[in-house]
């Protein structure tokens, strides 16, 4: 089942990261501004053409937007992790490596 709430949250996150308003994203994607708001709040389902228009306007791939709904999405998560780590210094990387190791160990013990 597709979780439109997560898709809406991802669109909102990508829009904000780009510094776009809902109105600007609507203009870029050719979608009514009220529809952008509805999509971000999961008040409406979106069609594939609408999703493609939004992805193109955001400079994102479809899997970046819907990956929480995909069974095979490790490559997206790994890319996001790499992006988060890209600007870390050595000390931060060492600390985050320990956090990841500990978290991974805890998750695998469940």
Protein backbone atom coordinates (compact mmCIF):
# COMPACT_ATOMS: atom_id res chain seq x y z
CA UNK A 1 0.00 0.00 0.00
CA UNK A 2 1.27 3.45 -0.88
CA UNK A 3 1.75 5.81 2.04
CA UNK A 4 0.81 9.21 0.62
CA UNK A 5 1.61 10.91 3.92
CA UNK A 6 5.27 9.91 3.64
CA UNK A 7 5.36 10.97 -0.02
CA UNK A 8 3.88 14.35 0.92
CA UNK A 9 6.40 14.78 3.73
CA UNK A 10 9.28 13.92 1.38
CA UNK A 11 8.04 16.45 -1.21
CA UNK A 12 7.75 19.11 1.49
CA UNK A 13 11.26 18.27 2.78
CA UNK A 14 12.78 18.48 -0.72
CA UNK A 15 10.88 21.71 -1.47
CA UNK A 16 12.09 23.37 1.72
CA UNK A 17 15.65 22.16 1.13
CA UNK A 18 15.53 23.91 -2.26
CA UNK A 19 14.12 27.06 -0.66
CA UNK A 20 10.95 26.86 -2.74
CA UNK A 21 7.55 28.05 -1.60
CA UNK A 22 4.51 25.95 -2.42
CA UNK A 23 3.53 28.60 -4.95
CA UNK A 24 6.91 28.46 -6.66
CA UNK A 25 6.87 24.64 -6.80
CA UNK A 26 3.37 24.84 -8.25
CA UNK A 27 4.57 27.26 -10.91
CA UNK A 28 7.57 25.07 -11.81
CA UNK A 29 5.54 21.88 -11.95
CA UNK A 30 2.41 23.29 -13.60
CA UNK A 31 0.22 22.22 -10.69
CA UNK A 32 -2.26 24.37 -8.80
CA UNK A 33 -0.77 25.78 -5.57
CA UNK A 34 -3.66 24.36 -3.52
CA UNK A 35 -2.85 20.90 -4.91
CA UNK A 36 0.74 21.17 -3.67
CA UNK A 37 -0.59 21.89 -0.20
CA UNK A 38 -3.03 18.96 -0.42
CA UNK A 39 -0.28 16.62 -1.62
CA UNK A 40 2.10 17.63 1.16
CA UNK A 41 -0.61 17.03 3.75
CA UNK A 42 -1.72 13.77 2.09
CA UNK A 43 -5.20 15.23 1.73
CA UNK A 44 -5.25 13.95 -1.83
CA UNK A 45 -3.63 11.14 -3.78
CA UNK A 46 -1.37 12.14 -6.61
CA UNK A 47 -1.17 10.64 -10.05
CA UNK A 48 2.02 9.45 -11.69
CA UNK A 49 2.10 12.41 -14.12
CA UNK A 50 1.73 14.81 -11.17
CA UNK A 51 4.47 13.01 -9.25
CA UNK A 52 6.78 13.17 -12.27
CA UNK A 53 6.09 16.91 -12.71
CA UNK A 54 6.89 17.57 -9.04
CA UNK A 55 10.04 15.42 -9.15
CA UNK A 56 11.27 17.25 -12.25
CA UNK A 57 10.53 20.64 -10.67
CA UNK A 58 12.48 19.63 -7.56
CA UNK A 59 15.36 18.13 -9.54
CA UNK A 60 14.69 14.84 -7.76
CA UNK A 61 14.23 11.28 -8.89
CA UNK A 62 11.00 9.39 -8.31
CA UNK A 63 12.72 6.91 -6.04
CA UNK A 64 13.99 9.77 -3.85
CA UNK A 65 10.38 10.78 -3.29
CA UNK A 66 8.75 7.37 -2.90
CA UNK A 67 11.59 5.28 -1.50
CA UNK A 68 9.91 4.80 1.89
CA UNK A 69 7.24 2.90 -0.03
CA UNK A 70 9.71 0.69 -1.92
CA UNK A 71 10.90 -2.71 -0.81
CA UNK A 72 14.29 -2.22 -2.48
CA UNK A 73 15.51 1.21 -1.46
CA UNK A 74 18.90 0.67 0.17
CA UNK A 75 20.66 2.65 -2.55
CA UNK A 76 18.59 5.74 -1.70
CA UNK A 77 19.29 5.42 2.03
CA UNK A 78 23.00 4.94 1.35
CA UNK A 79 23.03 8.02 -0.88
CA UNK A 80 21.28 10.06 1.80
CA UNK A 81 23.77 8.88 4.42
CA UNK A 82 26.69 9.77 2.13
CA UNK A 83 25.20 13.21 1.57
CA UNK A 84 24.83 13.76 5.33
CA UNK A 85 28.43 12.70 5.94
CA UNK A 86 29.98 14.68 3.06
CA UNK A 87 30.71 17.80 5.10
CA UNK A 88 31.79 16.10 8.33
CA UNK A 89 35.29 16.47 9.74
CA UNK A 90 37.34 13.48 10.97
CA UNK A 91 36.14 13.76 14.54
CA UNK A 92 32.49 13.89 13.51
CA UNK A 93 32.96 10.92 11.18
CA UNK A 94 34.50 8.82 13.95
CA UNK A 95 31.67 9.70 16.34
CA UNK A 96 29.00 8.97 13.74
CA UNK A 97 30.69 5.67 12.85
CA UNK A 98 30.44 4.58 16.48
CA UNK A 99 26.80 5.67 16.64
CA UNK A 100 26.01 3.68 13.49
CA UNK A 101 27.83 0.59 14.80
CA UNK A 102 25.96 0.76 18.11
CA UNK A 103 22.59 1.39 16.48
CA UNK A 104 23.13 -1.44 14.00
CA UNK A 105 24.01 -3.82 16.82
CA UNK A 106 20.87 -2.85 18.76
CA UNK A 107 18.65 -3.27 15.69
CA UNK A 108 20.05 -6.70 14.92
CA UNK A 109 19.46 -7.90 18.48
CA UNK A 110 15.72 -7.28 18.17
